[in-house]
C-alpha atoms as a PDB file:
ATOM      1  CA  MET A   1      33.227   3.286 -24.345  1.00  0.00           C
ATOM      2  CA  GLN A   2      32.928   2.100 -20.908  1.00  0.00           C
ATOM      3  CA  ASN A   3      32.908   5.989 -19.794  1.00  0.00           C
ATOM      4  CA  ALA A   4      29.865   6.871 -22.113  1.00  0.00           C
ATOM      5  CA  VAL A   5      28.259   3.906 -20.817  1.00  0.00           C
ATOM      6  CA  GLY A   6      28.722   4.925 -17.230  1.00  0.00           C
ATOM      7  CA  ALA A   7      27.852   8.503 -17.854  1.00  0.00           C
ATOM      8  CA  ASN A   8      24.584   7.051 -19.586  1.00  0.00           C
ATOM      9  CA  ARG A   9      23.696   5.050 -16.568  1.00  0.00           C
ATOM     10  CA  GLN A  10      24.213   7.943 -14.261  1.00  0.00           C
ATOM     11  CA  ILE A  11      21.849   9.889 -16.435  1.00  0.00           C
ATOM     12  CA  VAL A  12      19.392   7.435 -16.391  1.00  0.00           C
ATOM     13  CA  HIS A  13      19.816   7.183 -12.415  1.00  0.00           C
ATOM     14  CA  LEU A  14      19.340  10.958 -11.698  1.00  0.00           C
ATOM     15  CA  ALA A  15      16.630  10.872 -13.883  1.00  0.00           C
ATOM     16  CA  GLN A  16      14.833   8.225 -11.990  1.00  0.00           C
ATOM     17  CA  MET A  17      15.822  10.043  -8.738  1.00  0.00           C
ATOM     18  CA  GLY A  18      14.005  13.318 -10.060  1.00  0.00           C
ATOM     19  CA  LEU A  19      11.374  11.665 -11.357  1.00  0.00           C
ATOM     20  CA  LEU A  20      10.501   9.704  -8.080  1.00  0.00           C
ATOM     21  CA  ALA A  21      10.835  13.072  -6.435  1.00  0.00           C
ATOM     22  CA  VAL A  22       8.379  14.814  -8.405  1.00  0.00           C
ATOM     23  CA  VAL A  23       5.752  11.861  -8.278  1.00  0.00           C
ATOM     24  CA  TYR A  24       6.450  11.803  -4.323  1.00  0.00           C
ATOM     25  CA  PHE A  25       5.639  15.536  -4.120  1.00  0.00           C
ATOM     26  CA  VAL A  26       2.400  15.329  -6.393  1.00  0.00           C
ATOM     27  CA  ALA A  27       1.009  12.367  -4.802  1.00  0.00           C
ATOM     28  CA  ALA A  28       2.008  13.963  -1.092  1.00  0.00           C
ATOM     29  CA  LYS A  29       0.265  17.239  -1.955  1.00  0.00           C
ATOM     30  CA  LEU A  30      -2.817  15.232  -3.326  1.00  0.00           C
ATOM     31  CA  SER A  31      -2.855  13.507   0.082  1.00  0.00           C
ATOM     32  CA  LEU A  32      -2.351  16.717   2.053  1.00  0.00           C
ATOM     33  CA  LEU A  33      -6.036  17.610   0.695  1.00  0.00           C
ATOM     34  CA  LEU A  34      -7.370  14.946   3.444  1.00  0.00           C
ATOM     35  CA  ALA A  35      -5.006  16.142   6.224  1.00  0.00           C
ATOM     36  CA  ILE A  36      -5.506  15.493   9.769  1.00  0.00           C
ATOM     37  CA  PRO A  37      -5.003  18.848  11.993  1.00  0.00           C
ATOM     38  CA  PRO A  38      -2.324  20.026  12.440  1.00  0.00           C
ATOM     39  CA  GLY A  39      -1.730  19.579   8.779  1.00  0.00           C
ATOM     40  CA  TYR A  40       1.064  17.411   8.949  1.00  0.00           C
ATOM     41  CA  ALA A  41      -0.344  13.879   7.980  1.00  0.00           C
ATOM     42  CA  THR A  42      -3.338  12.335   6.832  1.00  0.00           C
ATOM     43  CA  ALA A  43      -5.299   9.006   7.131  1.00  0.00           C
ATOM     44  CA  VAL A  44      -3.494   7.569   4.396  1.00  0.00           C
ATOM     45  CA  TRP A  45      -0.374   8.242   2.864  1.00  0.00           C
ATOM     46  CA  PRO A  46       0.485   7.165  -0.643  1.00  0.00           C
ATOM     47  CA  PRO A  47       3.782   8.398  -1.198  1.00  0.00           C
ATOM     48  CA  SER A  48       5.261   5.731   1.223  1.00  0.00           C
ATOM     49  CA  GLY A  49       3.652   3.102  -0.743  1.00  0.00           C
ATOM     50  CA  ILE A  50       5.332   4.510  -4.003  1.00  0.00           C
ATOM     51  CA  ALA A  51       8.574   5.024  -2.216  1.00  0.00           C
ATOM     52  CA  LEU A  52       8.869   1.560  -0.961  1.00  0.00           C
ATOM     53  CA  ALA A  53       7.934   0.289  -4.270  1.00  0.00           C
ATOM     54  CA  ALA A  54      10.296   2.053  -6.290  1.00  0.00           C
ATOM     55  CA  THR A  55      13.057   1.202  -3.605  1.00  0.00           C
ATOM     56  CA  LEU A  56      11.983  -2.563  -4.096  1.00  0.00           C
ATOM     57  CA  LEU A  57      11.848  -2.415  -7.954  1.00  0.00           C
ATOM     58  CA  LEU A  58      14.893  -0.025  -8.280  1.00  0.00           C
ATOM     59  CA  GLY A  59      17.437  -0.434  -5.618  1.00  0.00           C
ATOM     60  CA  ASN A  60      18.377   1.574  -2.651  1.00  0.00           C
ATOM     61  CA  ARG A  61      20.334   4.146  -4.573  1.00  0.00           C
ATOM     62  CA  LEU A  62      17.217   5.816  -5.459  1.00  0.00           C
ATOM     63  CA  TRP A  63      16.784   7.091  -1.464  1.00  0.00           C
ATOM     64  CA  PRO A  64      18.187  10.495  -2.788  1.00  0.00           C
ATOM     65  CA  GLY A  65      14.732  10.932  -4.716  1.00  0.00           C
ATOM     66  CA  VAL A  66      12.378  10.050  -1.870  1.00  0.00           C
ATOM     67  CA  TRP A  67      14.475  12.423   0.569  1.00  0.00           C
ATOM     68  CA  LEU A  68      14.019  15.240  -1.965  1.00  0.00           C
ATOM     69  CA  GLY A  69      10.190  14.497  -2.432  1.00  0.00           C
ATOM     70  CA  ALA A  70       9.448  14.177   1.223  1.00  0.00           C
ATOM     71  CA  ALA A  71      11.382  17.207   2.031  1.00  0.00           C
ATOM     72  CA  LEU A  72      10.128  19.614  -0.718  1.00  0.00           C
ATOM     73  CA  VAL A  73       6.245  19.011   0.974  1.00  0.00           C
ATOM     74  CA  ASN A  74       7.048  19.201   4.204  1.00  0.00           C
ATOM     75  CA  TYR A  75       8.554  22.564   3.537  1.00  0.00           C
ATOM     76  CA  THR A  76       5.534  23.607   1.680  1.00  0.00           C
ATOM     77  CA  VAL A  77       3.971  22.875   5.160  1.00  0.00           C
ATOM     78  CA  ASN A  78       5.986  24.154   7.670  1.00  0.00           C
ATOM     79  CA  SER A  79       8.526  26.652   5.963  1.00  0.00           C
ATOM     80  CA  SER A  80      11.287  25.202   8.200  1.00  0.00           C
ATOM     81  CA  LEU A  81      14.276  23.733   6.153  1.00  0.00           C
ATOM     82  CA  ALA A  82      15.839  21.768   9.407  1.00  0.00           C
ATOM     83  CA  LEU A  83      12.543  20.349   9.890  1.00  0.00           C
ATOM     84  CA  ALA A  84      11.553  19.380   6.472  1.00  0.00           C
ATOM     85  CA  ALA A  85      15.216  17.766   6.056  1.00  0.00           C
ATOM     86  CA  MET A  86      14.184  15.787   9.323  1.00  0.00           C
ATOM     87  CA  MET A  87      10.936  14.710   7.808  1.00  0.00           C
ATOM     88  CA  GLY A  88      12.334  13.631   4.635  1.00  0.00           C
ATOM     89  CA  THR A  89      15.268  11.527   6.367  1.00  0.00           C
ATOM     90  CA  GLY A  90      12.357  10.062   8.217  1.00  0.00           C
ATOM     91  CA  ASN A  91      10.800   8.962   4.901  1.00  0.00           C
ATOM     92  CA  ALA A  92      14.024   7.816   3.460  1.00  0.00           C
ATOM     93  CA  LEU A  93      14.993   5.360   6.343  1.00  0.00           C
ATOM     94  CA  GLU A  94      11.453   4.302   6.471  1.00  0.00           C
ATOM     95  CA  ALA A  95      11.761   3.037   2.641  1.00  0.00           C
ATOM     96  CA  LEU A  96      15.149   1.521   2.951  1.00  0.00           C
ATOM     97  CA  VAL A  97      14.462  -0.120   5.996  1.00  0.00           C
ATOM     98  CA  GLY A  98      11.541  -1.475   4.961  1.00  0.00           C
ATOM     99  CA  ALA A  99      12.719  -2.747   1.415  1.00  0.00           C
ATOM    100  CA  GLU A 100      15.889  -4.380   3.287  1.00  0.00           C
ATOM    101  CA  LEU A 101      13.649  -6.450   5.453  1.00  0.00           C
ATOM    102  CA  ILE A 102      11.219  -7.263   2.532  1.00  0.00           C
ATOM    103  CA  ARG A 103      14.530  -8.399   0.400  1.00  0.00           C
ATOM    104  CA  ARG A 104      16.167 -10.418   3.249  1.00  0.00           C
ATOM    105  CA  TYR A 105      12.772 -12.347   4.933  1.00  0.00           C
ATOM    106  CA  ILE A 106      10.534 -12.537   1.720  1.00  0.00           C
ATOM    107  CA  GLY A 107      12.595 -11.773  -1.321  1.00  0.00           C
ATOM    108  CA  VAL A 108      11.471  -8.892  -4.189  1.00  0.00           C
ATOM    109  CA  PRO A 109       8.262 -10.144  -4.816  1.00  0.00           C
ATOM    110  CA  ARG A 110       6.441  -9.118  -7.905  1.00  0.00           C
ATOM    111  CA  ARG A 111       3.496 -10.971  -6.197  1.00  0.00           C
ATOM    112  CA  PHE A 112       2.743 -12.488  -3.060  1.00  0.00           C
ATOM    113  CA  GLU A 113       3.033 -16.347  -3.840  1.00  0.00           C
ATOM    114  CA  HIS A 114       2.743 -17.545  -0.264  1.00  0.00           C
ATOM    115  CA  GLY A 115       0.155 -16.530   2.586  1.00  0.00           C
ATOM    116  CA  ILE A 116       3.115 -15.940   5.088  1.00  0.00           C
ATOM    117  CA  ASP A 117       4.533 -13.572   2.663  1.00  0.00           C
ATOM    118  CA  VAL A 118       1.688 -11.065   3.104  1.00  0.00           C
ATOM    119  CA  VAL A 119       1.888 -11.221   6.813  1.00  0.00           C
ATOM    120  CA  LYS A 120       5.672 -10.568   6.807  1.00  0.00           C
ATOM    121  CA  PHE A 121       4.856  -7.732   4.733  1.00  0.00           C
ATOM    122  CA  VAL A 122       2.213  -5.958   6.354  1.00  0.00           C
ATOM    123  CA  ALA A 123       4.654  -6.669   9.811  1.00  0.00           C
ATOM    124  CA  PHE A 124       7.611  -5.302   8.093  1.00  0.00           C
ATOM    125  CA  ALA A 125       5.134  -2.228   6.977  1.00  0.00           C
ATOM    126  CA  ALA A 126       4.252  -1.610  10.481  1.00  0.00           C
ATOM    127  CA  ALA A 127       7.680  -1.886  11.740  1.00  0.00           C
ATOM    128  CA  SER A 128       9.616   0.489   9.166  1.00  0.00           C
ATOM    129  CA  CYS A 129       6.858   3.104   9.535  1.00  0.00           C
ATOM    130  CA  THR A 130       7.746   3.761  13.225  1.00  0.00           C
ATOM    131  CA  ILE A 131      10.866   5.106  11.959  1.00  0.00           C
ATOM    132  CA  ALA A 132       9.346   8.195  10.029  1.00  0.00           C
ATOM    133  CA  ALA A 133       6.545   8.857  12.419  1.00  0.00           C
ATOM    134  CA  THR A 134       9.003   8.836  15.241  1.00  0.00           C
ATOM    135  CA  VAL A 135      11.708  11.214  13.960  1.00  0.00           C
ATOM    136  CA  ALA A 136       8.752  13.594  12.090  1.00  0.00           C
ATOM    137  CA  VAL A 137       6.938  13.964  15.451  1.00  0.00           C
ATOM    138  CA  LEU A 138       9.811  14.106  17.662  1.00  0.00           C
ATOM    139  CA  SER A 139      11.383  16.657  15.665  1.00  0.00           C
ATOM    140  CA  MET A 140       7.884  18.789  15.293  1.00  0.00           C
ATOM    141  CA  THR A 141       7.817  18.559  19.299  1.00  0.00           C
ATOM    142  CA  VAL A 142      11.398  19.390  19.735  1.00  0.00           C
ATOM    143  CA  VAL A 143      11.162  22.560  18.032  1.00  0.00           C
ATOM    144  CA  GLY A 144       7.434  23.413  19.230  1.00  0.00           C
ATOM    145  CA  SER A 145       5.141  22.740  16.364  1.00  0.00           C
ATOM    146  CA  VAL A 146       3.712  20.123  18.436  1.00  0.00           C
ATOM    147  CA  SER A 147       3.208  19.794  22.252  1.00  0.00           C
ATOM    148  CA  TRP A 148       4.334  17.210  24.399  1.00  0.00           C
ATOM    149  CA  PRO A 149       1.066  16.051  25.400  1.00  0.00           C
ATOM    150  CA  GLU A 150      -0.322  16.089  21.916  1.00  0.00           C
ATOM    151  CA  PHE A 151       2.954  13.354  20.727  1.00  0.00           C
ATOM    152  CA  HIS A 152       1.068  10.404  20.883  1.00  0.00           C
ATOM    153  CA  SER A 153      -1.889  11.398  19.185  1.00  0.00           C
ATOM    154  CA  ASN A 154       0.338  13.158  16.067  1.00  0.00           C
ATOM    155  CA  TRP A 155       2.710  10.060  16.150  1.00  0.00           C
ATOM    156  CA  TRP A 156      -0.540   7.735  15.576  1.00  0.00           C
ATOM    157  CA  THR A 157      -1.711   9.726  12.844  1.00  0.00           C
ATOM    158  CA  TRP A 158       1.557   9.701  11.266  1.00  0.00           C
ATOM    159  CA  TRP A 159       2.147   5.943  11.533  1.00  0.00           C
ATOM    160  CA  GLN A 160      -1.328   5.057  10.766  1.00  0.00           C
ATOM    161  CA  GLY A 161      -1.364   7.034   7.355  1.00  0.00           C
ATOM    162  CA  ASP A 162       2.227   5.374   6.329  1.00  0.00           C
ATOM    163  CA  VAL A 163       0.892   1.845   7.426  1.00  0.00           C
ATOM    164  CA  THR A 164      -2.257   2.480   5.295  1.00  0.00           C
ATOM    165  CA  GLY A 165      -0.523   4.058   2.480  1.00  0.00           C
ATOM    166  CA  ILE A 166       2.057   1.163   2.162  1.00  0.00           C
ATOM    167  CA  ILE A 167      -0.080  -2.219   2.622  1.00  0.00           C
ATOM    168  CA  ILE A 168      -2.373  -0.238  -0.330  1.00  0.00           C
ATOM    169  CA  VAL A 169      -0.526   1.285  -2.979  1.00  0.00           C
ATOM    170  CA  THR A 170       2.950  -1.137  -2.741  1.00  0.00           C
ATOM    171  CA  PRO A 171       1.226  -4.354  -3.685  1.00  0.00           C
ATOM    172  CA  LEU A 172      -0.617  -2.437  -6.335  1.00  0.00           C
ATOM    173  CA  ILE A 173       2.352  -1.162  -8.096  1.00  0.00           C
ATOM    174  CA  LEU A 174       4.055  -4.658  -7.354  1.00  0.00           C
ATOM    175  CA  SER A 175       1.404  -6.433  -9.063  1.00  0.00           C
ATOM    176  CA  TRP A 176       1.259  -4.159 -12.309  1.00  0.00           C
ATOM    177  CA  ARG A 177       4.914  -4.956 -12.828  1.00  0.00           C
ATOM    178  CA  LEU A 178       3.726  -8.494 -13.389  1.00  0.00           C
ATOM    179  CA  ARG A 179       3.894  -9.760 -17.036  1.00  0.00           C
ATOM    180  CA  ARG A 180       0.244 -10.174 -18.559  1.00  0.00           C
ATOM    181  CA  THR A 181      -1.589 -13.246 -18.310  1.00  0.00           C
ATOM    182  CA  ALA A 182      -3.628 -14.696 -21.084  1.00  0.00           C
ATOM    183  CA  PRO A 183      -6.439 -12.488 -22.658  1.00  0.00           C
ATOM    184  CA  TRP A 184      -9.949 -12.626 -20.977  1.00  0.00           C
ATOM    185  CA  SER A 185     -12.461 -14.423 -22.638  1.00  0.00           C
ATOM    186  CA  ARG A 186     -15.762 -13.107 -23.078  1.00  0.00           C
ATOM    187  CA  GLN A 187     -17.646 -14.630 -20.405  1.00  0.00           C
ATOM    188  CA  LYS A 188     -14.434 -13.377 -18.056  1.00  0.00           C
ATOM    189  CA  LYS A 189     -14.830  -9.749 -18.943  1.00  0.00           C
ATOM    190  CA  LEU A 190     -18.431 -10.111 -18.306  1.00  0.00           C
ATOM    191  CA  GLU A 191     -17.692 -11.351 -14.789  1.00  0.00           C
ATOM    192  CA  ALA A 192     -15.368  -8.855 -14.081  1.00  0.00           C
ATOM    193  CA  VAL A 193     -17.870  -5.913 -14.984  1.00  0.00           C
ATOM    194  CA  CYS A 194     -20.685  -7.796 -12.820  1.00  0.00           C
ATOM    195  CA  PHE A 195     -17.978  -8.012 -10.083  1.00  0.00           C
ATOM    196  CA  GLY A 196     -16.599  -4.020 -10.259  1.00  0.00           C
ATOM    197  CA  SER A 197     -20.184  -3.054 -10.678  1.00  0.00           C
ATOM    198  CA  LEU A 198     -21.356  -4.856  -7.363  1.00  0.00           C
ATOM    199  CA  LEU A 199     -18.424  -3.980  -5.299  1.00  0.00           C
ATOM    200  CA  LEU A 200     -18.717  -0.214  -6.197  1.00  0.00           C
ATOM    201  CA  ILE A 201     -22.526  -0.283  -5.198  1.00  0.00           C
ATOM    202  CA  VAL A 202     -22.022  -2.403  -2.506  1.00  0.00           C
ATOM    203  CA  THR A 203     -18.984   0.218  -1.062  1.00  0.00           C
ATOM    204  CA  LEU A 204     -21.205   3.428  -1.919  1.00  0.00           C
ATOM    205  CA  LEU A 205     -24.002   2.012   0.104  1.00  0.00           C
ATOM    206  CA  ILE A 206     -22.290   1.261   3.081  1.00  0.00           C
ATOM    207  CA  PHE A 207     -19.407   4.447   3.472  1.00  0.00           C
ATOM    208  CA  SER A 208     -21.763   7.218   1.876  1.00  0.00           C
ATOM    209  CA  ASP A 209     -24.808   6.695   4.371  1.00  0.00           C
ATOM    210  CA  THR A 210     -25.254  10.275   5.624  1.00  0.00           C
ATOM    211  CA  THR A 211     -28.830   9.445   7.606  1.00  0.00           C
ATOM    212  CA  GLY A 212     -27.107   6.840  10.203  1.00  0.00           C
ATOM    213  CA  PHE A 213     -29.745   4.473   8.848  1.00  0.00           C
ATOM    214  CA  LEU A 214     -27.435   1.457   8.125  1.00  0.00           C
ATOM    215  CA  SER A 215     -24.824   2.241  11.116  1.00  0.00           C
ATOM    216  CA  PRO A 216     -26.521  -0.079  13.744  1.00  0.00           C
ATOM    217  CA  PHE A 217     -25.921  -3.003  11.016  1.00  0.00           C
ATOM    218  CA  PRO A 218     -22.580  -4.830  10.501  1.00  0.00           C
ATOM    219  CA  LEU A 219     -22.394  -3.990   6.863  1.00  0.00           C
ATOM    220  CA  THR A 220     -19.088  -3.466   6.100  1.00  0.00           C
ATOM    221  CA  PHE A 221     -18.485  -7.474   6.522  1.00  0.00           C
ATOM    222  CA  THR A 222     -20.293  -7.750   3.042  1.00  0.00           C
ATOM    223  CA  ILE A 223     -17.067  -6.618   1.619  1.00  0.00           C
ATOM    224  CA  LEU A 224     -15.360  -9.883   2.300  1.00  0.00           C
ATOM    225  CA  PRO A 225     -17.449 -12.138  -0.108  1.00  0.00           C
ATOM    226  CA  PHE A 226     -16.300  -9.540  -2.885  1.00  0.00           C
ATOM    227  CA  MET A 227     -12.547 -10.019  -2.001  1.00  0.00           C
ATOM    228  CA  ILE A 228     -12.709 -13.771  -1.823  1.00  0.00           C
ATOM    229  CA  TRP A 229     -14.128 -13.556  -5.306  1.00  0.00           C
ATOM    230  CA  ALA A 230     -11.474 -11.461  -6.452  1.00  0.00           C
ATOM    231  CA  ALA A 231      -8.856 -13.450  -5.121  1.00  0.00           C
ATOM    232  CA  PHE A 232     -10.171 -16.972  -6.446  1.00  0.00           C
ATOM    233  CA  ARG A 233     -11.349 -15.827 -10.031  1.00  0.00           C
ATOM    234  CA  PHE A 234      -9.075 -12.964 -10.901  1.00  0.00           C
ATOM    235  CA  SER A 235      -5.439 -12.180 -10.987  1.00  0.00           C
ATOM    236  CA  GLN A 236      -3.589 -10.413  -8.061  1.00  0.00           C
ATOM    237  CA  ARG A 237      -3.864  -6.937 -10.224  1.00  0.00           C
ATOM    238  CA  VAL A 238      -7.548  -7.176 -10.086  1.00  0.00           C
ATOM    239  CA  VAL A 239      -7.449  -7.867  -6.073  1.00  0.00           C
ATOM    240  CA  THR A 240      -5.045  -5.130  -5.174  1.00  0.00           C
ATOM    241  CA  MET A 241      -7.249  -2.434  -7.365  1.00  0.00           C
ATOM    242  CA  ALA A 242     -10.143  -3.919  -6.001  1.00  0.00           C
ATOM    243  CA  THR A 243      -8.769  -3.384  -2.195  1.00  0.00           C
ATOM    244  CA  ALA A 244      -7.284   0.191  -3.288  1.00  0.00           C
ATOM    245  CA  VAL A 245     -10.486   1.341  -4.614  1.00  0.00           C
ATOM    246  CA  VAL A 246     -12.572   0.133  -1.232  1.00  0.00           C
ATOM    247  CA  SER A 247      -9.904   1.520   0.846  1.00  0.00           C
ATOM    248  CA  ALA A 248     -10.391   4.672  -0.751  1.00  0.00           C
ATOM    249  CA  PHE A 249     -13.837   5.145  -0.227  1.00  0.00           C
ATOM    250  CA  ALA A 250     -13.581   4.099   3.302  1.00  0.00           C
ATOM    251  CA  ILE A 251     -10.637   6.465   3.868  1.00  0.00           C
ATOM    252  CA  ASN A 252     -12.664   9.392   2.077  1.00  0.00           C
ATOM    253  CA  TYR A 253     -16.002   9.016   3.909  1.00  0.00           C
ATOM    254  CA  THR A 254     -14.526   8.336   7.457  1.00  0.00           C
ATOM    255  CA  VAL A 255     -12.231  11.433   7.357  1.00  0.00           C
ATOM    256  CA  ASN A 256     -15.522  13.856   6.307  1.00  0.00           C
ATOM    257  CA  GLY A 257     -17.497  12.062   9.142  1.00  0.00           C
ATOM    258  CA  ILE A 258     -19.615   9.685   6.962  1.00  0.00           C
ATOM    259  CA  GLY A 259     -19.858   6.083   7.273  1.00  0.00           C
ATOM    260  CA  PRO A 260     -19.722   3.562   9.913  1.00  0.00           C
ATOM    261  CA  PHE A 261     -16.382   4.429  11.072  1.00  0.00           C
ATOM    262  CA  ALA A 262     -17.118   8.109  11.679  1.00  0.00           C
ATOM    263  CA  LEU A 263     -18.491   7.656  15.059  1.00  0.00           C
ATOM    264  CA  TRP A 264     -15.981   8.144  17.390  1.00  0.00           C
ATOM    265  CA  SER A 265     -13.024  10.590  17.811  1.00  0.00           C
ATOM    266  CA  ILE A 266     -10.704  10.717  15.022  1.00  0.00           C
ATOM    267  CA  ASN A 267      -8.146   8.872  16.609  1.00  0.00           C
ATOM    268  CA  GLU A 268     -10.618   6.205  17.125  1.00  0.00           C
ATOM    269  CA  SER A 269     -11.773   6.332  14.232  1.00  0.00           C
ATOM    270  CA  LEU A 270      -8.656   5.860  12.422  1.00  0.00           C
ATOM    271  CA  LEU A 271      -7.899   2.720  14.543  1.00  0.00           C
ATOM    272  CA  ILE A 272     -10.947   1.211  13.375  1.00  0.00           C
ATOM    273  CA  LEU A 273     -10.111   2.283   9.928  1.00  0.00           C
ATOM    274  CA  LEU A 274      -7.065   0.768   9.782  1.00  0.00           C
ATOM    275  CA  ALA A 275      -8.385  -2.259  11.250  1.00  0.00           C
ATOM    276  CA  PHE A 276     -10.598  -2.621   8.514  1.00  0.00           C
ATOM    277  CA  ILE A 277      -8.375  -2.005   5.948  1.00  0.00           C
ATOM    278  CA  SER A 278      -5.713  -4.297   7.128  1.00  0.00           C
ATOM    279  CA  THR A 279      -8.471  -6.831   7.343  1.00  0.00           C
ATOM    280  CA  VAL A 280      -9.533  -6.544   3.718  1.00  0.00           C
ATOM    281  CA  VAL A 281      -5.736  -6.223   2.365  1.00  0.00           C
ATOM    282  CA  VAL A 282      -4.350  -9.541   4.184  1.00  0.00           C
ATOM    283  CA  THR A 283      -7.663 -11.473   3.604  1.00  0.00           C
ATOM    284  CA  SER A 284      -7.408 -10.962  -0.213  1.00  0.00           C
ATOM    285  CA  LEU A 285      -3.806 -11.091  -0.676  1.00  0.00           C
ATOM    286  CA  VAL A 286      -3.560 -14.367   1.448  1.00  0.00           C
ATOM    287  CA  LEU A 287      -6.237 -15.909  -0.582  1.00  0.00           C
ATOM    288  CA  SER A 288      -4.771 -14.905  -3.682  1.00  0.00           C
ATOM    289  CA  ALA A 289      -1.425 -16.380  -2.501  1.00  0.00           C
ATOM    290  CA  LEU A 290      -3.108 -19.647  -1.437  1.00  0.00           C
ATOM    291  CA  ARG A 291      -4.992 -19.785  -5.026  1.00  0.00           C
ATOM    292  CA  ILE A 292      -1.232 -19.407  -6.514  1.00  0.00           C
ATOM    293  CA  GLU A 293       0.496 -22.078  -4.528  1.00  0.00           C
ATOM    294  CA  ARG A 294      -2.599 -24.598  -5.134  1.00  0.00           C
ATOM    295  CA  GLY A 295      -1.856 -23.700  -9.015  1.00  0.00           C
ATOM    296  CA  ARG A 296       1.457 -24.396  -8.839  1.00  0.00           C
ATOM    297  CA  ALA A 297       0.887 -27.694  -6.698  1.00  0.00           C
ATOM    298  CA  MET A 298      -1.363 -28.888  -9.362  1.00  0.00           C
ATOM    299  CA  GLU A 299       1.003 -27.883 -12.549  1.00  0.00           C
ATOM    300  CA  GLN A 300       3.943 -29.967 -10.250  1.00  0.00           C
ATOM    301  CA  LEU A 301       1.527 -32.877  -9.945  1.00  0.00           C
ATOM    302  CA  GLU A 302       0.529 -32.849 -13.519  1.00  0.00           C
ATOM    303  CA  ARG A 303       4.464 -32.652 -14.440  1.00  0.00           C
ATOM    304  CA  ALA A 304       4.882 -35.545 -12.044  1.00  0.00           C
ATOM    305  CA  LEU A 305       2.225 -37.868 -13.518  1.00  0.00           C
ATOM    306  CA  VAL A 306       3.265 -37.285 -16.984  1.00  0.00           C
ATOM    307  CA  GLU A 307       6.748 -38.253 -15.902  1.00  0.00           C
ATOM    308  CA  LEU A 308       5.241 -41.150 -14.363  1.00  0.00           C
ATOM    309  CA  ARG A 309       3.555 -42.328 -17.416  1.00  0.00           C
ATOM    310  CA  GLU A 310       6.610 -42.040 -19.749  1.00  0.00           C
ATOM    311  CA  GLN A 311       8.521 -44.429 -17.215  1.00  0.00           C
ATOM    312  CA  ALA A 312       5.915 -46.755 -17.361  1.00  0.00           C
ATOM    313  CA  VAL A 313       6.167 -46.728 -21.055  1.00  0.00           C
ATOM    314  CA  THR A 314       9.727 -47.015 -21.103  1.00  0.00           C
ATOM    315  CA  ASP A 315       9.817 -50.036 -18.760  1.00  0.00           C
END
């Protein structure tokens, strides 16, 4: 009986690793449609966020799935088995180190319940992504795919893409693993429709300006009121979806040379883009976490008042 249970667990484990490898590979190939020359990295790398979320939710034992998916997709790009294996190793180590830092210093959040947790999460993402970027770009430089003078720019592109992918995708996946909240009322649904429609219109207005007419005006700041609206009126699921939508439009238009961040060289544009996305994600998640903290404090206060009333009646 025990042997059968162990065999079933092993089958499930192998299936999870295989599924993760497939999801990583597909997400990576889609991401490479927006690849930045020489074609190894993009402005956002969602597979890193998927790998970190999977490692947090299902454990470190899934790292072979990350390695396999990353190695396969890099092999399709450079046709070098050794180089692809090194890149896959960097991606797997990135997920393992990031997950371990989050477990040790934050816990395994299904949502961010404290504002400081959000800041730690972004810091750990930035730190762990140095591993994949360094391993990958150093390997490419050693074999001659990238010249030493290009090391810094390629490293920056790789690191920035991984960080952006993690801070956008990982919270989105973690928030959707939460238990569903109470059904929305009719008024809440109407508010959600209004919020989504207005956010989409404003985002398109800001980033799809091909004439340059709006570029002198700092309209990107108009996104922040919508993030505040989402944080105080909706769950973290809505918050993470809103940040993902805004980030997707910002990345797409910037990479294609359109919008307020496409006024400089690609590396300078990516730096401003990362700053914008980090501001949007951190602001919205911190405010959402503060709202959760406030709600928890109010519940504790209400319980304390009930206990005091009961004690007073008893006395």
